Amino acid sequence: MAKETLVLDASVIVKWFCDERQSDIANKLRDDFFSDIYGIIVPDLLFYEVINAVKFSNVFSKEEKVSVVHDLYLIGIDFEYPDKEIMESALNIAMDYNATIYDSVYLAIARKHRCKYITADSDFAGKVKSKDVLLLKDIG
């Protein structure tokens, strides 16, 4: 049996590096990924979003922020570069739910791979109200 694959957005993965509300749930997903219970796939956009969040964090030194870049590459999650199919889907999602392309591309990837999308962004989850979008707080 193939292991389940999840799409996690930056609002979840940044919690792996910053101690925030619901970091314990995000860290459990990370630990399960390292235990080969789940696969994780994300758009390449995740690099920009996580590193940007860390850049603006006051809890890290400059060296620690650079270390996050290294860690993101070493984690081993699967990155998907959005193709025409994903971008068309993301655009439709964004237009249908008055959402950003940035948020919608995660859901488009989840739908392409027929897997769950987990986010800590309650605004986006509230807009789409879809069974394939789970709030991080609800899985803990």
C-alpha atoms as a PDB file:
ATOM      1  CA  MET A   1       0.000   0.000   0.000  1.00  0.00           C
ATOM      2  CA  ALA A   2       1.328   3.438  -0.948  1.00  0.00           C
ATOM      3  CA  LYS A   3       1.800   5.926   1.843  1.00  0.00           C
ATOM      4  CA  GLU A   4      -0.464   8.936   1.980  1.00  0.00           C
ATOM      5  CA  THR A   5       0.842  12.161   0.473  1.00  0.00           C
ATOM      6  CA  LEU A   6       0.011  15.552   1.932  1.00  0.00           C
ATOM      7  CA  VAL A   7       0.398  19.085   0.664  1.00  0.00           C
ATOM      8  CA  LEU A   8       1.552  21.373   3.477  1.00  0.00           C
ATOM      9  CA  ASP A   9       1.730  25.091   2.923  1.00  0.00           C
ATOM     10  CA  ALA A  10       4.208  27.585   4.315  1.00  0.00           C
ATOM     11  CA  SER A  11       1.920  28.414   7.238  1.00  0.00           C
ATOM     12  CA  VAL A  12       2.506  24.846   8.447  1.00  0.00           C
ATOM     13  CA  ILE A  13       6.150  24.325   7.516  1.00  0.00           C
ATOM     14  CA  VAL A  14       7.320  27.613   9.009  1.00  0.00           C
ATOM     15  CA  LYS A  15       6.129  26.195  12.346  1.00  0.00           C
ATOM     16  CA  TRP A  16       8.889  23.594  12.025  1.00  0.00           C
ATOM     17  CA  PHE A  17      11.389  26.421  12.483  1.00  0.00           C
ATOM     18  CA  CYS A  18       9.470  28.945  14.611  1.00  0.00           C
ATOM     19  CA  ASP A  19       7.796  28.042  17.876  1.00  0.00           C
ATOM     20  CA  GLU A  20       4.266  29.254  17.223  1.00  0.00           C
ATOM     21  CA  ARG A  21       0.751  28.250  18.130  1.00  0.00           C
ATOM     22  CA  GLN A  22       0.111  24.754  16.707  1.00  0.00           C
ATOM     23  CA  SER A  23       3.825  24.072  16.183  1.00  0.00           C
ATOM     24  CA  ASP A  24       3.333  20.845  18.104  1.00  0.00           C
ATOM     25  CA  ILE A  25       0.854  19.613  15.471  1.00  0.00           C
ATOM     26  CA  ALA A  26       3.102  20.753  12.613  1.00  0.00           C
ATOM     27  CA  ASN A  27       6.079  19.036  14.250  1.00  0.00           C
ATOM     28  CA  LYS A  28       4.077  15.795  14.542  1.00  0.00           C
ATOM     29  CA  LEU A  29       3.465  15.932  10.775  1.00  0.00           C
ATOM     30  CA  ARG A  30       7.191  16.530  10.270  1.00  0.00           C
ATOM     31  CA  ASP A  31       8.081  13.608  12.524  1.00  0.00           C
ATOM     32  CA  ASP A  32       5.587  11.371  10.704  1.00  0.00           C
ATOM     33  CA  PHE A  33       7.159  12.441   7.409  1.00  0.00           C
ATOM     34  CA  PHE A  34      10.621  11.540   8.733  1.00  0.00           C
ATOM     35  CA  SER A  35       9.185   8.198   9.887  1.00  0.00           C
ATOM     36  CA  ASP A  36       7.978   7.614   6.318  1.00  0.00           C
ATOM     37  CA  ILE A  37       4.305   7.662   7.329  1.00  0.00           C
ATOM     38  CA  TYR A  38       3.482  10.520   4.954  1.00  0.00           C
ATOM     39  CA  GLY A  39       4.926  11.942   1.802  1.00  0.00           C
ATOM     40  CA  ILE A  40       4.908  15.706   1.421  1.00  0.00           C
ATOM     41  CA  ILE A  41       4.675  17.647  -1.814  1.00  0.00           C
ATOM     42  CA  VAL A  42       4.741  21.421  -2.120  1.00  0.00           C
ATOM     43  CA  PRO A  43       5.182  24.021  -4.851  1.00  0.00           C
ATOM     44  CA  ASP A  44       8.592  25.611  -5.235  1.00  0.00           C
ATOM     45  CA  LEU A  45       6.881  28.759  -3.949  1.00  0.00           C
ATOM     46  CA  LEU A  46       7.270  27.301  -0.467  1.00  0.00           C
ATOM     47  CA  PHE A  47      10.976  28.211  -0.436  1.00  0.00           C
ATOM     48  CA  TYR A  48      10.186  31.888  -0.887  1.00  0.00           C
ATOM     49  CA  GLU A  49       7.371  31.930   1.641  1.00  0.00           C
ATOM     50  CA  VAL A  50       9.172  30.094   4.438  1.00  0.00           C
ATOM     51  CA  ILE A  51      12.445  31.948   4.010  1.00  0.00           C
ATOM     52  CA  ASN A  52      10.589  35.266   3.881  1.00  0.00           C
ATOM     53  CA  ALA A  53       8.769  34.437   7.124  1.00  0.00           C
ATOM     54  CA  VAL A  54      12.052  33.467   8.784  1.00  0.00           C
ATOM     55  CA  LYS A  55      13.732  36.639   7.507  1.00  0.00           C
ATOM     56  CA  PHE A  56      11.165  38.740   9.348  1.00  0.00           C
ATOM     57  CA  SER A  57      11.307  36.647  12.514  1.00  0.00           C
ATOM     58  CA  ASN A  58      13.017  38.236  15.479  1.00  0.00           C
ATOM     59  CA  VAL A  59      13.880  34.960  17.176  1.00  0.00           C
ATOM     60  CA  PHE A  60      16.727  33.915  14.865  1.00  0.00           C
ATOM     61  CA  SER A  61      20.213  35.232  14.380  1.00  0.00           C
ATOM     62  CA  LYS A  62      21.410  35.858  10.831  1.00  0.00           C
ATOM     63  CA  GLU A  63      23.344  32.580  10.924  1.00  0.00           C
ATOM     64  CA  GLU A  64      20.284  30.654  12.104  1.00  0.00           C
ATOM     65  CA  LYS A  65      18.223  32.151   9.284  1.00  0.00           C
ATOM     66  CA  VAL A  66      20.804  30.965   6.764  1.00  0.00           C
ATOM     67  CA  SER A  67      20.676  27.541   8.416  1.00  0.00           C
ATOM     68  CA  VAL A  68      16.936  27.339   7.671  1.00  0.00           C
ATOM     69  CA  VAL A  69      17.752  27.637   3.964  1.00  0.00           C
ATOM     70  CA  HIS A  70      20.104  24.669   4.243  1.00  0.00           C
ATOM     71  CA  ASP A  71      17.558  22.694   6.254  1.00  0.00           C
ATOM     72  CA  LEU A  72      14.799  23.241   3.689  1.00  0.00           C
ATOM     73  CA  TYR A  73      16.959  21.651   1.024  1.00  0.00           C
ATOM     74  CA  LEU A  74      17.993  18.755   3.254  1.00  0.00           C
ATOM     75  CA  ILE A  75      14.518  17.794   4.508  1.00  0.00           C
ATOM     76  CA  GLY A  76      13.696  15.815   1.395  1.00  0.00           C
ATOM     77  CA  ILE A  77      10.155  16.946   0.716  1.00  0.00           C
ATOM     78  CA  ASP A  78       9.043  16.787  -2.907  1.00  0.00           C
ATOM     79  CA  PHE A  79       8.852  20.107  -4.718  1.00  0.00           C
ATOM     80  CA  GLU A  80       6.666  20.538  -7.736  1.00  0.00           C
ATOM     81  CA  TYR A  81       7.217  23.265 -10.270  1.00  0.00           C
ATOM     82  CA  PRO A  82       3.783  24.447 -11.360  1.00  0.00           C
ATOM     83  CA  ASP A  83       2.968  23.434 -14.908  1.00  0.00           C
ATOM     84  CA  LYS A  84       0.172  24.691 -17.128  1.00  0.00           C
ATOM     85  CA  GLU A  85      -2.381  22.318 -15.577  1.00  0.00           C
ATOM     86  CA  ILE A  86      -1.570  23.395 -12.023  1.00  0.00           C
ATOM     87  CA  MET A  87      -1.538  27.088 -12.866  1.00  0.00           C
ATOM     88  CA  GLU A  88      -4.861  26.905 -14.709  1.00  0.00           C
ATOM     89  CA  SER A  89      -6.363  25.071 -11.760  1.00  0.00           C
ATOM     90  CA  ALA A  90      -4.862  27.597  -9.313  1.00  0.00           C
ATOM     91  CA  LEU A  91      -6.266  30.480 -11.332  1.00  0.00           C
ATOM     92  CA  ASN A  92      -9.730  28.907 -11.369  1.00  0.00           C
ATOM     93  CA  ILE A  93      -9.589  28.282  -7.614  1.00  0.00           C
ATOM     94  CA  ALA A  94      -8.408  31.847  -6.996  1.00  0.00           C
ATOM     95  CA  MET A  95     -11.198  33.311  -9.142  1.00  0.00           C
ATOM     96  CA  ASP A  96     -13.907  31.016  -7.749  1.00  0.00           C
ATOM     97  CA  TYR A  97     -13.053  31.788  -4.116  1.00  0.00           C
ATOM     98  CA  ASN A  98     -11.548  35.295  -4.347  1.00  0.00           C
ATOM     99  CA  ALA A  99      -8.245  33.902  -3.084  1.00  0.00           C
ATOM    100  CA  THR A 100      -4.629  34.541  -3.978  1.00  0.00           C
ATOM    101  CA  ILE A 101      -2.768  32.497  -6.549  1.00  0.00           C
ATOM    102  CA  TYR A 102      -0.172  31.872  -3.835  1.00  0.00           C
ATOM    103  CA  ASP A 103      -2.698  30.035  -1.660  1.00  0.00           C
ATOM    104  CA  SER A 104      -4.537  28.450  -4.572  1.00  0.00           C
ATOM    105  CA  VAL A 105      -1.472  26.769  -6.073  1.00  0.00           C
ATOM    106  CA  TYR A 106      -1.149  24.537  -3.002  1.00  0.00           C
ATOM    107  CA  LEU A 107      -4.743  23.375  -3.400  1.00  0.00           C
ATOM    108  CA  ALA A 108      -4.261  22.880  -7.148  1.00  0.00           C
ATOM    109  CA  ILE A 109      -1.306  20.578  -6.438  1.00  0.00           C
ATOM    110  CA  ALA A 110      -3.320  18.675  -3.824  1.00  0.00           C
ATOM    111  CA  ARG A 111      -6.141  18.172  -6.297  1.00  0.00           C
ATOM    112  CA  LYS A 112      -3.759  17.078  -9.051  1.00  0.00           C
ATOM    113  CA  HIS A 113      -2.317  14.410  -6.740  1.00  0.00           C
ATOM    114  CA  ARG A 114      -5.669  13.614  -5.094  1.00  0.00           C
ATOM    115  CA  CYS A 115      -4.381  14.289  -1.617  1.00  0.00           C
ATOM    116  CA  LYS A 116      -5.169  16.467   1.378  1.00  0.00           C
ATOM    117  CA  TYR A 117      -3.966  20.033   1.715  1.00  0.00           C
ATOM    118  CA  ILE A 118      -3.137  21.156   5.261  1.00  0.00           C
ATOM    119  CA  THR A 119      -2.911  24.817   6.169  1.00  0.00           C
ATOM    120  CA  ALA A 120      -2.925  26.995   9.278  1.00  0.00           C
ATOM    121  CA  ASP A 121      -4.579  29.745   7.208  1.00  0.00           C
ATOM    122  CA  SER A 122      -8.169  29.783   8.440  1.00  0.00           C
ATOM    123  CA  ASP A 123      -9.108  32.586   6.031  1.00  0.00           C
ATOM    124  CA  PHE A 124      -8.258  30.498   2.967  1.00  0.00           C
ATOM    125  CA  ALA A 125      -9.803  27.327   4.377  1.00  0.00           C
ATOM    126  CA  GLY A 126     -12.948  29.285   5.188  1.00  0.00           C
ATOM    127  CA  LYS A 127     -13.191  30.615   1.653  1.00  0.00           C
ATOM    128  CA  VAL A 128     -12.942  27.264  -0.110  1.00  0.00           C
ATOM    129  CA  LYS A 129     -14.786  25.107   2.456  1.00  0.00           C
ATOM    130  CA  SER A 130     -13.574  21.947   0.768  1.00  0.00           C
ATOM    131  CA  LYS A 131     -13.121  18.443   2.161  1.00  0.00           C
ATOM    132  CA  ASP A 132      -9.596  18.335   0.691  1.00  0.00           C
ATOM    133  CA  VAL A 133      -8.516  21.384   2.750  1.00  0.00           C
ATOM    134  CA  LEU A 134      -7.805  20.690   6.412  1.00  0.00           C
ATOM    135  CA  LEU A 135      -6.922  23.237   9.054  1.00  0.00           C
ATOM    136  CA  LEU A 136      -3.836  22.321  11.038  1.00  0.00           C
ATOM    137  CA  LYS A 137      -5.663  22.941  14.332  1.00  0.00           C
ATOM    138  CA  ASP A 138      -8.322  20.400  13.358  1.00  0.00           C
ATOM    139  CA  ILE A 139      -5.935  17.503  12.787  1.00  0.00           C
ATOM    140  CA  GLY A 140      -4.247  17.724  16.176  1.00  0.00           C
END
